[in-house]
Structures are given as structure tokens and as C-alpha cells.
Amino acid sequence: MYNVAVVTDDKCIAKKGCRLCIMYCPEPDCVMLNSEKMVAEVIIHRCKGCELCVVVCDAAKHNAIEMLAVGGDGKILDTVGEAAELGQAYQ
């Protein structure tokens, strides 16, 4: 189990032009703009749990992204798991 980023749609202000999480994510095509809802959306199977999107979102005072645990079946759990150890998320 490791953590992945999850965006809270009600807090995301991508519709107002914020794209910080999309710009700063080091994983290609991991955080994308959902053009229908105009919010950032994390592609769960691409997220490596680095938390960089959380850092930039919190620094901008939006607090729209949190890290949640992913179970062995790839589904998001309602709890926060342990942080990924070095290289664990990239296995």
C-alpha cells in the first residue's frame, strides 16, 4: 500500500487558471486538466506518490490535493497509508 494524490473538486480552482499541480508534477500525463469539470485530475495508476502537487497546491493556499492510500487492487482507500519508501512507488 502506498499513497497517491487525490484532488477535491470543490477546492480546485483550475477553472480560474491555476495549473500549478499540472505544471510541477514530474510524472508525464499524471495530473491532467479535466476539461468537462475544469478541475485537475490525477491519473491514479501513473501517480508515484511524490507529493509535489500537494506542496505546490498548499503553498498557493488552495489545499485541494491530499494523499490517500491505494490498496493492492488499485482502489483508493479512505485512509492515509504510509509514505512510499525510496523507489517503492517506481517498482
C-alpha atoms as a PDB file:
ATOM      1  CA  MET A   1       0.000   0.000   0.000  1.00  0.00           C
ATOM      2  CA  TYR A   2       1.273   3.471  -0.827  1.00  0.00           C
ATOM      3  CA  ASN A   3      -0.177   6.965  -1.196  1.00  0.00           C
ATOM      4  CA  VAL A   4      -1.382   8.707  -4.331  1.00  0.00           C
ATOM      5  CA  ALA A   5      -2.669  12.224  -4.887  1.00  0.00           C
ATOM      6  CA  VAL A   6      -6.410  12.845  -4.927  1.00  0.00           C
ATOM      7  CA  VAL A   7      -7.954  16.187  -5.925  1.00  0.00           C
ATOM      8  CA  THR A   8     -11.016  17.570  -4.122  1.00  0.00           C
ATOM      9  CA  ASP A   9     -13.052  19.039  -6.973  1.00  0.00           C
ATOM     10  CA  ASP A  10     -14.792  21.644  -4.790  1.00  0.00           C
ATOM     11  CA  LYS A  11     -11.467  23.139  -3.684  1.00  0.00           C
ATOM     12  CA  CYS A  12      -9.660  23.019  -7.046  1.00  0.00           C
ATOM     13  CA  ILE A  13      -9.542  26.386  -8.802  1.00  0.00           C
ATOM     14  CA  ALA A  14      -8.226  25.226 -12.171  1.00  0.00           C
ATOM     15  CA  LYS A  15     -11.256  26.884 -13.732  1.00  0.00           C
ATOM     16  CA  LYS A  16      -9.782  30.211 -12.567  1.00  0.00           C
ATOM     17  CA  GLY A  17      -6.481  29.482 -14.286  1.00  0.00           C
ATOM     18  CA  CYS A  18      -4.479  27.645 -11.644  1.00  0.00           C
ATOM     19  CA  ARG A  19      -2.465  24.797 -13.167  1.00  0.00           C
ATOM     20  CA  LEU A  20       0.357  24.535 -10.610  1.00  0.00           C
ATOM     21  CA  CYS A  21      -0.091  20.839  -9.868  1.00  0.00           C
ATOM     22  CA  ILE A  22      -0.177  20.032 -13.578  1.00  0.00           C
ATOM     23  CA  MET A  23       2.950  22.071 -14.285  1.00  0.00           C
ATOM     24  CA  TYR A  24       5.029  20.778 -11.371  1.00  0.00           C
ATOM     25  CA  CYS A  25       4.188  17.074 -11.497  1.00  0.00           C
ATOM     26  CA  PRO A  26       7.371  15.242 -12.579  1.00  0.00           C
ATOM     27  CA  GLU A  27       5.451  12.243 -13.965  1.00  0.00           C
ATOM     28  CA  PRO A  28       4.266  12.834 -17.564  1.00  0.00           C
ATOM     29  CA  ASP A  29       0.485  12.805 -18.024  1.00  0.00           C
ATOM     30  CA  CYS A  30      -0.180  12.108 -14.357  1.00  0.00           C
ATOM     31  CA  VAL A  31      -2.060  15.262 -13.357  1.00  0.00           C
ATOM     32  CA  MET A  32      -4.322  16.404 -16.161  1.00  0.00           C
ATOM     33  CA  LEU A  33      -6.990  19.068 -16.626  1.00  0.00           C
ATOM     34  CA  ASN A  34     -10.469  17.593 -16.811  1.00  0.00           C
ATOM     35  CA  SER A  35     -11.904  19.961 -19.432  1.00  0.00           C
ATOM     36  CA  GLU A  36     -15.512  18.994 -18.675  1.00  0.00           C
ATOM     37  CA  LYS A  37     -15.361  19.795 -14.950  1.00  0.00           C
ATOM     38  CA  MET A  38     -12.445  22.266 -15.278  1.00  0.00           C
ATOM     39  CA  VAL A  39     -10.553  20.747 -12.349  1.00  0.00           C
ATOM     40  CA  ALA A  40      -7.242  18.959 -12.033  1.00  0.00           C
ATOM     41  CA  GLU A  41      -7.496  15.196 -12.158  1.00  0.00           C
ATOM     42  CA  VAL A  42      -4.881  12.661 -11.080  1.00  0.00           C
ATOM     43  CA  ILE A  43      -4.431   9.553 -13.206  1.00  0.00           C
ATOM     44  CA  ILE A  44      -4.096   7.168 -10.276  1.00  0.00           C
ATOM     45  CA  HIS A  45      -2.092   4.431 -11.987  1.00  0.00           C
ATOM     46  CA  ARG A  46       0.535   6.994 -13.071  1.00  0.00           C
ATOM     47  CA  CYS A  47       0.932   8.728  -9.688  1.00  0.00           C
ATOM     48  CA  LYS A  48       4.140   7.777  -7.870  1.00  0.00           C
ATOM     49  CA  GLY A  49       3.233   9.437  -4.572  1.00  0.00           C
ATOM     50  CA  CYS A  50       5.938  12.105  -4.591  1.00  0.00           C
ATOM     51  CA  GLU A  51       3.573  14.710  -3.043  1.00  0.00           C
ATOM     52  CA  LEU A  52       4.972  17.582  -5.115  1.00  0.00           C
ATOM     53  CA  CYS A  53       1.457  18.502  -6.284  1.00  0.00           C
ATOM     54  CA  VAL A  54       0.333  18.694  -2.649  1.00  0.00           C
ATOM     55  CA  VAL A  55       3.237  21.005  -1.805  1.00  0.00           C
ATOM     56  CA  VAL A  56       2.540  23.478  -4.623  1.00  0.00           C
ATOM     57  CA  CYS A  57      -1.223  23.407  -4.045  1.00  0.00           C
ATOM     58  CA  ASP A  58      -0.783  24.023  -0.304  1.00  0.00           C
ATOM     59  CA  ALA A  59       1.767  26.784  -0.961  1.00  0.00           C
ATOM     60  CA  ALA A  60      -0.836  28.532  -3.114  1.00  0.00           C
ATOM     61  CA  LYS A  61      -3.297  28.178  -0.182  1.00  0.00           C
ATOM     62  CA  HIS A  62      -5.772  26.051  -2.169  1.00  0.00           C
ATOM     63  CA  ASN A  63      -5.356  22.795  -0.212  1.00  0.00           C
ATOM     64  CA  ALA A  64      -7.239  20.894  -2.917  1.00  0.00           C
ATOM     65  CA  ILE A  65      -4.975  17.830  -3.053  1.00  0.00           C
ATOM     66  CA  GLU A  66      -4.425  15.179  -0.422  1.00  0.00           C
ATOM     67  CA  MET A  67      -2.565  11.906  -0.358  1.00  0.00           C
ATOM     68  CA  LEU A  68      -4.669   8.784   0.149  1.00  0.00           C
ATOM     69  CA  ALA A  69      -3.696   5.145   0.342  1.00  0.00           C
ATOM     70  CA  VAL A  70      -4.131   2.760  -2.570  1.00  0.00           C
ATOM     71  CA  GLY A  71      -4.781  -0.881  -1.826  1.00  0.00           C
ATOM     72  CA  GLY A  72      -3.342  -3.863  -3.653  1.00  0.00           C
ATOM     73  CA  ASP A  73      -6.331  -3.869  -6.006  1.00  0.00           C
ATOM     74  CA  GLY A  74      -5.558  -0.309  -7.179  1.00  0.00           C
ATOM     75  CA  LYS A  75      -8.575   1.255  -5.461  1.00  0.00           C
ATOM     76  CA  ILE A  76      -8.298   4.306  -3.242  1.00  0.00           C
ATOM     77  CA  LEU A  77      -8.894   3.686   0.444  1.00  0.00           C
ATOM     78  CA  ASP A  78     -10.366   6.247   2.823  1.00  0.00           C
ATOM     79  CA  THR A  79      -7.252   6.263   4.971  1.00  0.00           C
ATOM     80  CA  VAL A  80      -3.775   7.679   4.641  1.00  0.00           C
ATOM     81  CA  GLY A  81      -1.196   4.938   4.174  1.00  0.00           C
ATOM     82  CA  GLU A  82       2.457   5.024   4.949  1.00  0.00           C
ATOM     83  CA  ALA A  83       4.746   7.129   2.809  1.00  0.00           C
ATOM     84  CA  ALA A  84       6.421   5.259  -0.023  1.00  0.00           C
ATOM     85  CA  GLU A  85       9.991   4.302   0.689  1.00  0.00           C
ATOM     86  CA  LEU A  86      12.654   5.334  -1.769  1.00  0.00           C
ATOM     87  CA  GLY A  87      11.937   3.561  -5.032  1.00  0.00           C
ATOM     88  CA  GLN A  88       8.843   1.710  -3.730  1.00  0.00           C
ATOM     89  CA  ALA A  89       6.401   3.616  -5.911  1.00  0.00           C
ATOM     90  CA  TYR A  90       8.544   3.031  -9.004  1.00  0.00           C
ATOM     91  CA  GLN A  91       8.655  -0.779  -8.767  1.00  0.00           C
END
